[in-house]
N, C-alpha and C. Protein backbone atom coordinates (compact mmCIF):
# COMPACT_ATOMS: atom_id res chain seq x y z
N UNK A 1 -72.10 124.08 9.91
CA UNK A 1 -73.10 123.14 9.59
C UNK A 1 -72.05 121.49 9.26
N UNK A 2 -73.04 120.73 9.60
CA UNK A 2 -72.37 119.55 9.81
C UNK A 2 -72.44 119.07 8.30
N UNK A 3 -71.47 118.40 7.83
CA UNK A 3 -71.70 117.16 6.45
C UNK A 3 -72.14 115.76 6.80
N UNK A 4 -72.95 115.44 5.65
CA UNK A 4 -73.31 114.20 6.03
C UNK A 4 -72.26 113.20 6.64
N UNK A 5 -70.55 112.98 6.56
CA UNK A 5 -70.33 112.43 6.71
C UNK A 5 -70.03 112.64 8.39
N UNK A 6 -70.05 113.78 8.76
CA UNK A 6 -70.47 114.16 10.41
C UNK A 6 -71.56 113.46 11.18
N UNK A 7 -72.72 113.19 10.01
CA UNK A 7 -73.59 113.12 11.20
C UNK A 7 -73.54 111.91 11.74
N UNK A 8 -74.57 111.55 13.36
CA UNK A 8 -73.92 110.59 13.64
C UNK A 8 -75.36 109.16 13.11
N UNK A 9 -73.93 107.67 13.00
CA UNK A 9 -74.79 106.63 12.17
C UNK A 9 -76.07 106.47 13.20
N UNK A 10 -76.67 105.67 12.20
CA UNK A 10 -78.08 105.28 12.48
C UNK A 10 -77.48 104.13 14.28
N UNK A 11 -76.77 103.64 13.78
CA UNK A 11 -75.99 102.28 14.53
C UNK A 11 -75.76 102.99 16.10
N UNK A 12 -74.85 104.23 15.77
CA UNK A 12 -74.67 104.80 16.94
C UNK A 12 -75.71 105.71 18.28
N UNK A 13 -76.57 105.92 17.18
CA UNK A 13 -77.77 106.41 18.32
C UNK A 13 -78.40 104.90 18.79
N UNK A 14 -78.44 104.16 18.24
CA UNK A 14 -79.27 102.79 18.80
C UNK A 14 -78.60 102.30 19.78
N UNK A 15 -77.33 102.19 19.33
CA UNK A 15 -76.35 101.76 20.77
C UNK A 15 -76.71 102.65 21.72
N UNK A 16 -76.63 103.77 22.09
CA UNK A 16 -76.19 104.84 22.78
C UNK A 16 -78.17 104.53 23.21
N UNK A 17 -79.09 104.17 23.33
CA UNK A 17 -80.17 104.38 23.68
C UNK A 17 -80.08 102.94 24.14
N UNK A 18 -79.51 102.21 23.91
CA UNK A 18 -79.51 100.72 24.50
C UNK A 18 -79.12 100.81 25.58
N UNK A 19 -77.52 101.54 26.02
CA UNK A 19 -77.09 101.77 26.32
C UNK A 19 -78.37 102.38 27.90
N UNK A 20 -78.49 103.37 27.37
CA UNK A 20 -79.50 104.12 28.57
C UNK A 20 -80.26 103.28 28.91
N UNK A 21 -81.19 102.58 27.85
CA UNK A 21 -82.15 101.12 28.80
C UNK A 21 -81.06 100.40 29.47
N UNK A 22 -80.24 100.05 29.49
CA UNK A 22 -79.47 99.11 30.00
C UNK A 22 -79.21 99.45 31.24
N UNK A 23 -78.52 100.55 31.73
CA UNK A 23 -78.18 101.40 32.69
C UNK A 23 -79.85 101.53 33.24
N UNK A 24 -80.87 101.93 32.65
CA UNK A 24 -81.95 101.79 33.64
C UNK A 24 -82.52 100.67 34.27
N UNK A 25 -82.50 99.79 33.30
CA UNK A 25 -82.30 98.40 33.76
C UNK A 25 -82.12 98.21 34.87
N UNK A 26 -80.93 98.02 34.92
CA UNK A 26 -79.80 97.55 35.94
C UNK A 26 -80.00 98.72 37.36
N UNK A 27 -80.52 99.49 36.99
CA UNK A 27 -80.94 100.64 38.38
C UNK A 27 -82.03 100.30 38.87
N UNK A 28 -83.36 99.99 38.23
CA UNK A 28 -84.63 99.29 38.41
C UNK A 28 -84.73 97.72 39.71
N UNK A 29 -83.49 97.16 38.32
CA UNK A 29 -82.98 95.98 39.37
C UNK A 29 -82.49 96.20 40.82
N UNK A 30 -81.20 97.17 41.10
CA UNK A 30 -80.99 97.61 42.13
C UNK A 30 -81.81 98.41 43.25
N UNK A 31 -82.68 98.85 43.02
CA UNK A 31 -83.61 99.45 43.67
C UNK A 31 -84.72 98.76 43.92
N UNK A 32 -85.17 98.08 43.38
CA UNK A 32 -86.32 97.07 43.47
C UNK A 32 -85.90 95.96 44.64
N UNK A 33 -86.64 96.27 45.55
CA UNK A 33 -87.44 95.20 46.33
C UNK A 33 -87.96 93.85 45.96
N UNK A 34 -88.83 93.77 45.11
CA UNK A 34 -89.25 92.61 44.24
C UNK A 34 -89.28 92.99 42.61
N UNK A 35 -89.65 92.01 41.68
CA UNK A 35 -89.83 92.24 40.37
C UNK A 35 -90.33 90.63 40.10
N UNK A 36 -91.57 91.09 39.05
CA UNK A 36 -92.02 90.11 38.24
C UNK A 36 -92.28 89.87 37.25
N UNK A 37 -91.66 88.77 36.41
CA UNK A 37 -91.75 88.68 34.82
C UNK A 37 -92.63 88.26 34.32
N UNK A 38 -93.36 88.80 33.05
CA UNK A 38 -94.52 88.61 33.08
C UNK A 38 -94.47 88.23 31.52
N UNK A 39 -95.18 87.14 30.85
CA UNK A 39 -95.37 86.75 29.48
C UNK A 39 -97.12 87.43 29.65
N UNK A 40 -97.40 88.41 28.44
CA UNK A 40 -98.76 88.75 28.06
C UNK A 40 -98.81 88.92 26.19
N UNK A 41 -98.71 87.52 26.01
CA UNK A 41 -99.15 87.34 24.45
C UNK A 41 -100.08 86.95 24.93
N UNK A 42 -100.81 87.74 23.66
CA UNK A 42 -102.67 87.23 23.29
C UNK A 42 -103.16 88.34 24.40
N UNK A 43 -102.79 89.18 25.22
CA UNK A 43 -104.02 89.93 26.08
C UNK A 43 -104.00 91.11 25.02
N UNK A 44 -105.48 91.22 25.43
CA UNK A 44 -105.72 92.60 24.56
C UNK A 44 -105.45 93.78 25.10
N UNK A 45 -105.73 94.97 24.52
CA UNK A 45 -105.05 96.22 24.54
C UNK A 45 -105.96 96.39 25.75
N UNK A 46 -106.73 96.40 25.80
CA UNK A 46 -107.80 96.88 26.87
C UNK A 46 -107.34 96.56 27.85
N UNK A 47 -107.20 95.40 28.29
CA UNK A 47 -106.80 94.44 29.16
C UNK A 47 -105.29 94.74 30.07
N UNK A 48 -104.59 95.11 28.70
CA UNK A 48 -102.99 95.24 29.08
C UNK A 48 -103.19 96.76 30.05
N UNK A 49 -104.20 97.89 28.83
CA UNK A 49 -104.32 98.87 29.69
C UNK A 49 -104.65 99.24 31.30
N UNK A 50 -105.68 98.71 31.47
CA UNK A 50 -106.14 97.79 32.84
C UNK A 50 -104.98 97.72 33.82
N UNK A 51 -104.37 96.24 33.66
CA UNK A 51 -103.31 96.09 34.49
C UNK A 51 -101.79 96.91 34.66
N UNK A 52 -102.03 97.71 33.47
CA UNK A 52 -100.91 99.15 33.88
C UNK A 52 -101.53 99.92 34.61
N UNK A 53 -102.36 100.42 34.55
CA UNK A 53 -103.29 101.16 35.40
C UNK A 53 -103.31 100.62 36.59
N UNK A 54 -103.69 99.62 37.09
CA UNK A 54 -103.87 99.04 38.30
C UNK A 54 -102.19 98.67 39.04
N UNK A 55 -100.92 98.81 38.10
CA UNK A 55 -99.74 98.98 38.86
C UNK A 55 -99.82 100.13 39.08
N UNK A 56 -100.11 101.20 38.15
CA UNK A 56 -99.67 102.72 38.33
C UNK A 56 -100.04 103.26 39.50
N UNK A 57 -101.73 102.68 39.90
CA UNK A 57 -101.90 103.36 41.28
C UNK A 57 -101.36 102.54 42.72
N UNK A 58 -100.98 101.44 42.82
CA UNK A 58 -100.15 100.65 43.59
C UNK A 58 -98.67 101.50 43.68
N UNK A 59 -98.19 101.88 42.86
CA UNK A 59 -96.96 102.48 42.65
C UNK A 59 -95.84 101.19 42.02
N UNK A 60 -96.77 100.76 41.20
CA UNK A 60 -95.25 99.77 40.49
C UNK A 60 -94.81 100.07 39.46
N UNK A 61 -93.88 99.83 39.06
CA UNK A 61 -93.19 100.47 37.47
C UNK A 61 -93.45 98.95 36.68
N UNK A 62 -94.37 99.34 35.97
CA UNK A 62 -94.29 98.10 34.68
C UNK A 62 -93.79 98.38 33.33
N UNK A 63 -93.02 97.48 32.81
CA UNK A 63 -92.13 97.76 31.18
C UNK A 63 -91.96 96.71 30.79
N UNK A 64 -92.60 96.78 29.40
CA UNK A 64 -92.40 95.58 28.24
C UNK A 64 -90.53 95.80 28.27
N UNK A 65 -90.08 94.93 28.23
CA UNK A 65 -88.64 94.97 28.03
C UNK A 65 -88.27 94.00 26.96
N UNK A 66 -87.14 94.45 26.10
CA UNK A 66 -86.31 93.48 25.44
C UNK A 66 -85.44 92.51 25.96
N UNK A 67 -85.53 91.33 25.37
CA UNK A 67 -84.60 90.15 26.78
C UNK A 67 -83.09 90.33 26.77
N UNK A 68 -82.67 91.16 25.27
CA UNK A 68 -81.45 91.09 25.30
C UNK A 68 -80.63 92.32 26.01
N UNK A 69 -81.74 93.39 26.11
CA UNK A 69 -81.47 94.46 27.20
C UNK A 69 -80.71 94.23 28.90
N UNK A 70 -81.92 93.16 29.03
CA UNK A 70 -81.71 92.75 30.45
C UNK A 70 -81.00 91.86 30.86
N UNK A 71 -80.72 90.87 30.07
CA UNK A 71 -79.46 90.00 30.16
C UNK A 71 -78.43 90.78 30.31
N UNK A 72 -78.13 91.95 29.40
CA UNK A 72 -77.24 92.73 29.66
C UNK A 72 -76.99 93.46 31.28
N UNK A 73 -78.16 93.84 31.24
CA UNK A 73 -78.42 94.88 32.58
C UNK A 73 -78.05 93.70 33.82
N UNK A 74 -78.37 92.53 33.99
CA UNK A 74 -78.36 91.53 34.91
C UNK A 74 -76.65 91.38 35.06
N UNK A 75 -76.20 91.40 33.77
CA UNK A 75 -74.78 90.90 33.35
C UNK A 75 -74.00 90.98 34.52
N UNK A 76 -72.94 89.87 35.75
CA UNK A 76 -72.04 90.19 36.81
C UNK A 76 -73.05 90.59 37.68
N UNK A 77 -73.97 89.98 38.04
CA UNK A 77 -75.13 90.61 39.42
C UNK A 77 -75.49 89.33 40.13
N UNK A 78 -76.04 89.31 41.13
CA UNK A 78 -76.88 88.31 41.75
C UNK A 78 -78.14 87.66 40.76
N UNK A 79 -78.72 88.78 39.69
CA UNK A 79 -79.37 88.05 39.30
C UNK A 79 -79.25 86.96 37.83
N UNK A 80 -77.88 87.34 37.77
CA UNK A 80 -76.93 86.56 36.59
C UNK A 80 -76.87 84.89 36.78
N UNK A 81 -78.59 84.70 36.75
CA UNK A 81 -78.54 82.95 36.69
C UNK A 81 -78.83 82.22 35.99
N UNK A 82 -78.81 80.71 35.67
CA UNK A 82 -79.72 79.95 34.76
C UNK A 82 -81.37 80.20 34.94
N UNK A 83 -81.67 80.32 35.89
CA UNK A 83 -83.26 80.32 35.96
C UNK A 83 -83.42 81.62 35.69
N UNK A 84 -82.62 82.90 35.81
CA UNK A 84 -83.70 84.52 35.61
C UNK A 84 -82.86 83.88 33.59
N UNK A 85 -82.20 83.57 33.69
CA UNK A 85 -81.72 83.77 31.93
C UNK A 85 -82.78 82.61 31.24
N UNK A 86 -83.26 81.83 31.53
CA UNK A 86 -84.11 80.97 31.14
C UNK A 86 -85.61 81.44 31.33
N UNK A 87 -86.04 82.48 31.90
CA UNK A 87 -86.83 83.03 31.64
C UNK A 87 -87.58 84.45 30.59
N UNK A 88 -86.14 84.51 30.58
CA UNK A 88 -86.18 85.74 29.50
C UNK A 88 -86.02 84.82 28.13
N UNK A 89 -87.30 84.47 27.47
CA UNK A 89 -87.65 83.85 26.43
C UNK A 89 -89.03 84.36 26.00
N UNK A 90 -89.15 85.07 24.78
CA UNK A 90 -90.42 85.22 24.24
C UNK A 90 -90.70 86.64 24.26
N UNK A 91 -91.98 87.04 24.65
CA UNK A 91 -92.13 88.70 25.08
C UNK A 91 -91.67 88.47 26.64
N UNK A 92 -91.43 89.32 27.15
CA UNK A 92 -91.58 89.89 28.46
C UNK A 92 -91.57 91.28 29.17
N UNK A 93 -92.26 91.16 30.03
CA UNK A 93 -92.63 92.40 30.80
C UNK A 93 -92.00 92.23 31.93
N UNK A 94 -91.96 93.38 32.95
CA UNK A 94 -91.43 93.57 34.19
C UNK A 94 -92.14 93.83 34.97
N UNK A 95 -92.40 93.69 36.00
CA UNK A 95 -93.52 94.65 37.65
C UNK A 95 -92.19 94.88 38.11
N UNK A 96 -92.05 96.17 38.85
CA UNK A 96 -91.02 96.48 39.92
C UNK A 96 -91.61 97.08 40.88
N UNK A 97 -91.12 96.85 42.23
CA UNK A 97 -91.92 97.06 43.55
C UNK A 97 -91.06 97.48 44.51
N UNK A 98 -91.00 98.78 44.77
CA UNK A 98 -89.43 99.75 45.35
C UNK A 98 -89.79 99.54 46.74
N UNK A 99 -90.78 98.86 47.57
CA UNK A 99 -91.33 99.45 49.05
C UNK A 99 -91.79 98.01 49.23
N UNK A 100 -93.12 97.95 49.20
CA UNK A 100 -93.40 96.50 49.71
C UNK A 100 -93.62 95.57 48.59
N UNK A 101 -93.12 94.36 48.73
CA UNK A 101 -92.53 93.47 47.74
C UNK A 101 -93.24 92.64 47.40
N UNK A 102 -94.37 92.33 47.90
CA UNK A 102 -95.49 91.91 47.40
C UNK A 102 -96.67 92.35 46.24
N UNK A 103 -96.36 93.88 46.24
CA UNK A 103 -97.50 94.68 45.68
C UNK A 103 -98.07 93.90 44.11
N UNK A 104 -96.85 93.90 43.38
CA UNK A 104 -96.86 93.95 42.44
C UNK A 104 -97.78 91.93 41.91
N UNK A 105 -96.97 91.30 42.95
CA UNK A 105 -97.74 89.65 43.01
C UNK A 105 -99.14 89.93 43.14
N UNK A 106 -99.29 90.63 44.03
CA UNK A 106 -101.03 90.45 44.66
C UNK A 106 -102.01 91.11 43.38
N UNK A 107 -101.33 92.27 42.84
CA UNK A 107 -101.86 93.02 41.28
C UNK A 107 -102.19 91.64 40.69
N UNK A 108 -101.20 91.19 40.37
CA UNK A 108 -101.00 89.62 38.91
C UNK A 108 -101.90 88.70 39.39
N UNK A 109 -102.23 88.16 40.77
CA UNK A 109 -102.96 87.49 41.20
C UNK A 109 -104.60 87.87 41.15
N UNK A 110 -104.50 88.68 41.68
CA UNK A 110 -106.12 89.63 41.35
C UNK A 110 -106.14 89.68 39.84
N UNK A 111 -105.80 89.71 39.15
CA UNK A 111 -106.17 89.96 37.56
C UNK A 111 -105.84 89.02 36.88
N UNK A 112 -105.89 87.81 37.47
CA UNK A 112 -105.39 86.26 36.89
C UNK A 112 -106.77 85.58 37.35
N UNK A 113 -107.44 86.15 38.06
CA UNK A 113 -108.99 85.44 38.93
C UNK A 113 -109.43 85.48 37.23
N UNK A 114 -109.72 86.27 36.48
CA UNK A 114 -110.42 85.90 35.11
C UNK A 114 -109.77 85.33 34.32
N UNK A 115 -110.35 84.35 34.00
CA UNK A 115 -110.17 82.83 33.00
C UNK A 115 -109.69 83.30 32.09
N UNK A 116 -110.16 84.62 31.39
CA UNK A 116 -109.32 84.91 29.72
C UNK A 116 -107.98 85.52 30.07
N UNK A 117 -107.62 86.22 31.12
CA UNK A 117 -106.55 86.75 31.50
C UNK A 117 -105.59 85.65 32.23
N UNK A 118 -105.99 84.87 33.05
CA UNK A 118 -104.86 83.84 33.09
C UNK A 118 -104.46 83.10 32.53
N UNK A 119 -105.35 83.07 31.45
CA UNK A 119 -104.71 81.99 30.03
C UNK A 119 -103.74 83.14 29.56
N UNK A 120 -103.97 84.57 29.39
CA UNK A 120 -102.81 84.92 28.78
C UNK A 120 -102.09 85.91 29.13
N UNK A 121 -101.73 85.60 30.48
CA UNK A 121 -100.71 86.66 31.03
C UNK A 121 -100.48 85.58 32.17
N UNK A 122 -99.13 85.16 32.16
CA UNK A 122 -98.53 84.13 32.43
C UNK A 122 -97.23 85.03 33.28
N UNK A 123 -97.03 84.36 34.47
CA UNK A 123 -95.36 84.44 35.12
C UNK A 123 -94.46 83.74 34.97
N UNK A 124 -93.33 84.44 34.51
CA UNK A 124 -92.39 83.40 34.39
C UNK A 124 -91.26 83.24 35.13
N UNK A 125 -91.26 84.63 36.20
CA UNK A 125 -90.45 84.23 37.32
C UNK A 125 -90.73 85.59 37.86
N UNK A 126 -89.92 85.13 39.19
CA UNK A 126 -89.96 86.80 40.33
C UNK A 126 -88.46 86.77 40.61
N UNK A 127 -88.31 87.96 41.38
CA UNK A 127 -87.23 88.38 42.27
C UNK A 127 -87.62 89.18 43.24
N UNK A 128 -87.22 88.23 44.21
CA UNK A 128 -87.57 88.99 45.83
C UNK A 128 -86.14 89.36 46.20
N UNK A 129 -85.86 90.88 46.83
CA UNK A 129 -84.10 91.00 47.00
C UNK A 129 -83.48 90.47 45.44
N UNK A 130 -82.34 89.83 46.20
CA UNK A 130 -81.56 89.04 45.40
C UNK A 130 -81.82 87.79 44.67
N UNK A 131 -83.05 87.40 45.04
CA UNK A 131 -82.96 85.52 44.95
C UNK A 131 -84.03 85.38 43.94
N UNK A 132 -83.85 84.46 43.36
CA UNK A 132 -84.77 84.47 42.01
C UNK A 132 -85.90 83.91 42.55
N UNK A 133 -87.00 83.71 41.98
CA UNK A 133 -88.22 82.90 42.63
C UNK A 133 -88.80 82.20 41.05
N UNK A 134 -89.34 80.97 41.54
CA UNK A 134 -89.66 80.25 40.28
C UNK A 134 -90.95 80.92 39.67
N UNK A 135 -91.54 80.69 38.49
CA UNK A 135 -93.00 81.17 38.59
C UNK A 135 -94.43 80.65 39.64
N UNK A 136 -94.16 79.31 40.13
CA UNK A 136 -95.38 79.36 41.10
C UNK A 136 -95.02 79.84 42.04
N UNK A 137 -93.76 79.87 42.62
CA UNK A 137 -93.60 80.68 44.04
C UNK A 137 -94.03 82.02 43.99
N UNK A 138 -94.18 82.40 42.73
CA UNK A 138 -94.58 84.29 42.80
C UNK A 138 -96.31 84.30 43.31
N UNK A 139 -97.02 83.35 42.63
CA UNK A 139 -98.25 83.89 43.43
C UNK A 139 -98.58 83.05 44.99
N UNK A 140 -97.80 81.92 44.97
CA UNK A 140 -98.05 81.24 46.05
C UNK A 140 -97.72 81.68 46.98
N UNK A 141 -96.48 82.54 47.15
CA UNK A 141 -95.37 82.64 48.47
C UNK A 141 -95.69 84.47 48.25
N UNK A 142 -94.91 85.08 46.87
CA UNK A 142 -95.13 86.45 47.42
C UNK A 142 -96.17 87.45 47.49
N UNK A 143 -97.22 86.75 46.34
CA UNK A 143 -98.19 86.88 46.58
C UNK A 143 -99.33 86.80 48.14
N UNK A 144 -98.82 86.08 48.95
CA UNK A 144 -99.25 86.03 49.81
C UNK A 144 -99.07 86.64 51.00
N UNK A 145 -97.52 87.10 50.78
CA UNK A 145 -96.94 87.99 52.09
C UNK A 145 -97.85 89.01 52.23
N UNK A 146 -97.88 89.48 53.73
CA UNK A 146 -98.67 90.71 53.91
C UNK A 146 -97.80 91.46 53.43
N UNK A 147 -98.40 92.64 53.32
CA UNK A 147 -98.09 94.49 52.40
C UNK A 147 -97.46 94.86 53.67
N UNK A 148 -97.16 95.72 53.82
CA UNK A 148 -96.35 96.97 54.48
C UNK A 148 -97.17 97.44 55.75
N UNK A 149 -98.66 97.71 55.11
CA UNK A 149 -99.73 97.96 55.64
C UNK A 149 -100.19 97.01 56.91
N UNK A 150 -100.24 95.88 56.20
CA UNK A 150 -100.93 94.64 57.20
C UNK A 150 -99.62 94.20 58.26
N UNK A 151 -98.20 94.48 57.67
CA UNK A 151 -97.71 94.64 58.73
C UNK A 151 -97.44 95.68 59.74
N UNK A 152 -97.80 96.54 59.33
CA UNK A 152 -97.76 97.84 60.57
C UNK A 152 -99.12 97.32 61.61
N UNK A 153 -99.80 97.11 60.81
CA UNK A 153 -101.49 96.66 61.93
C UNK A 153 -101.13 95.42 62.55
N UNK A 154 -100.58 94.60 61.75
CA UNK A 154 -99.92 93.40 63.28
C UNK A 154 -99.11 93.91 63.99
N UNK A 155 -98.20 94.58 63.79
CA UNK A 155 -97.13 95.16 64.62
C UNK A 155 -98.00 96.27 66.08
N UNK A 156 -98.93 96.77 65.55
CA UNK A 156 -99.76 97.74 66.33
C UNK A 156 -100.60 97.80 67.28
N UNK A 157 -100.59 96.11 66.85
CA UNK A 157 -101.62 95.16 67.43
C UNK A 157 -100.87 94.42 68.63
N UNK A 158 -99.71 93.91 68.12
CA UNK A 158 -98.81 93.14 69.19
C UNK A 158 -98.21 94.58 70.23
N UNK A 159 -98.14 95.55 69.79
CA UNK A 159 -97.57 96.84 70.85
C UNK A 159 -98.51 97.05 71.79
N UNK A 160 -100.08 97.11 70.93
CA UNK A 160 -101.15 97.66 71.91
C UNK A 160 -101.31 96.29 73.13
N UNK A 161 -101.45 95.39 72.52
CA UNK A 161 -101.93 94.02 73.68
C UNK A 161 -101.79 94.29 75.19
N UNK A 162 -100.58 94.69 75.13
CA UNK A 162 -100.29 94.45 76.52
C UNK A 162 -101.10 95.91 77.81
N UNK A 163 -100.66 96.55 76.80
CA UNK A 163 -101.51 98.09 77.37
C UNK A 163 -103.15 98.04 77.72
N UNK A 164 -103.62 97.18 77.06
CA UNK A 164 -104.62 96.89 76.80
C UNK A 164 -105.09 96.15 78.26
N UNK A 165 -104.85 94.99 77.96
CA UNK A 165 -104.51 93.82 79.22
C UNK A 165 -104.24 94.66 80.65
N UNK A 166 -103.83 95.64 80.87
CA UNK A 166 -103.14 96.48 81.81
C UNK A 166 -104.78 97.41 82.42
N UNK A 167 -105.07 97.76 81.34
CA UNK A 167 -106.18 98.84 81.40
C UNK A 167 -107.52 97.68 81.73
N UNK A 168 -107.43 96.50 81.27
CA UNK A 168 -108.28 96.30 81.77
C UNK A 168 -108.34 95.71 83.50
N UNK A 169 -107.41 95.13 83.65
CA UNK A 169 -106.52 94.83 85.00
C UNK A 169 -106.99 95.71 85.93
N UNK A 170 -106.52 96.72 85.62
CA UNK A 170 -106.94 98.23 86.18
C UNK A 170 -108.59 98.48 86.72
N UNK A 171 -109.34 98.74 85.60
CA UNK A 171 -110.27 98.51 85.46
C UNK A 171 -111.54 97.63 86.25
N UNK A 172 -110.79 96.67 86.07
CA UNK A 172 -111.86 95.19 86.87
C UNK A 172 -112.21 95.85 88.51
N UNK A 173 -111.17 96.02 89.25
CA UNK A 173 -111.55 96.10 90.48
C UNK A 173 -112.87 97.30 90.90
N UNK A 174 -113.00 98.38 89.73
CA UNK A 174 -114.17 99.05 89.87
C UNK A 174 -115.04 98.46 89.16
N UNK A 175 -114.62 98.14 88.38
CA UNK A 175 -115.95 97.54 88.07
C UNK A 175 -116.96 96.38 88.65
N UNK A 176 -115.81 95.71 89.29
CA UNK A 176 -116.61 94.57 90.23
C UNK A 176 -117.44 95.30 91.53
N UNK A 177 -116.82 96.69 91.58
CA UNK A 177 -117.60 96.97 92.65
C UNK A 177 -118.88 97.42 92.35
N UNK A 178 -119.09 98.26 91.02
CA UNK A 178 -120.13 98.83 90.50
C UNK A 178 -121.33 97.76 90.11
N UNK A 179 -120.71 96.28 89.75
CA UNK A 179 -121.68 95.01 89.55
C UNK A 179 -121.92 94.83 91.06
N UNK A 180 -121.07 94.87 92.53
CA UNK A 180 -121.70 94.55 93.39
C UNK A 180 -122.93 95.70 94.12
N UNK A 181 -122.77 96.42 94.36
CA UNK A 181 -123.54 97.83 94.50
C UNK A 181 -124.88 97.36 93.73
N UNK A 182 -124.86 97.20 92.37
CA UNK A 182 -125.72 97.15 91.80
C UNK A 182 -126.91 96.32 91.78
N UNK A 183 -126.30 94.83 92.26
CA UNK A 183 -126.92 93.79 92.73
C UNK A 183 -127.53 94.24 94.47
N UNK A 184 -126.47 94.55 94.91
CA UNK A 184 -127.48 95.16 96.09
C UNK A 184 -128.54 95.90 96.27
N UNK A 185 -128.47 96.71 94.95
CA UNK A 185 -129.43 97.70 95.02
C UNK A 185 -130.55 97.19 94.56
N UNK A 186 -130.27 96.11 93.99
CA UNK A 186 -131.53 95.40 92.88
C UNK A 186 -132.09 94.62 94.46
N UNK A 187 -131.33 93.82 95.22
CA UNK A 187 -131.37 93.02 96.14
C UNK A 187 -132.62 93.95 97.21
N UNK A 188 -132.14 95.39 97.68
CA UNK A 188 -132.86 95.64 98.76
C UNK A 188 -134.00 96.15 98.07
N UNK A 189 -134.09 96.86 96.94
CA UNK A 189 -135.64 97.35 96.33
C UNK A 189 -136.17 95.98 96.04
N UNK A 190 -136.19 95.10 95.90
CA UNK A 190 -136.53 93.82 95.62
C UNK A 190 -137.89 93.51 97.25
N UNK A 191 -136.96 93.74 98.49
CA UNK A 191 -137.67 93.44 99.73
C UNK A 191 -138.47 94.28 100.14
């Protein structure tokens, strides 16, 4: 049986919880191909829930974070820059993407098409691999990058183009012969 003097102190519990959160944040940043820092102040609960659901659908982690814990998580990493720290003011939520770097930015850009959401949901900064992006670049560059599926389609089209041309060239003499025979048949029927 524990005596009251042996019970863990509230500050110890909080410190342990904070250390775990810092470790989780550090891990997310290390694994992420991109991240977007957002200010969501004034966004209604319903719209915030819709945004969370959209993120979940495409496999993006979204979390409201304490700025002080994020600062501890990025300490001594490539993200520990003045620009990144400047974004850690006020309420902060972060959307992490692990495979397709443009997913979170595309969801945000789509959500911001609604004027009410656009006024209340603002991008603070972005991260692509280890590079910090200014807020404006997130929607103009990151959100317009082709996604993983789009890149696959483009690559497949590039690979298939020579084969398609070859098939067309191989079929051309046969088609030309068929056209010539058909023309000759019409000519004979006309006489």
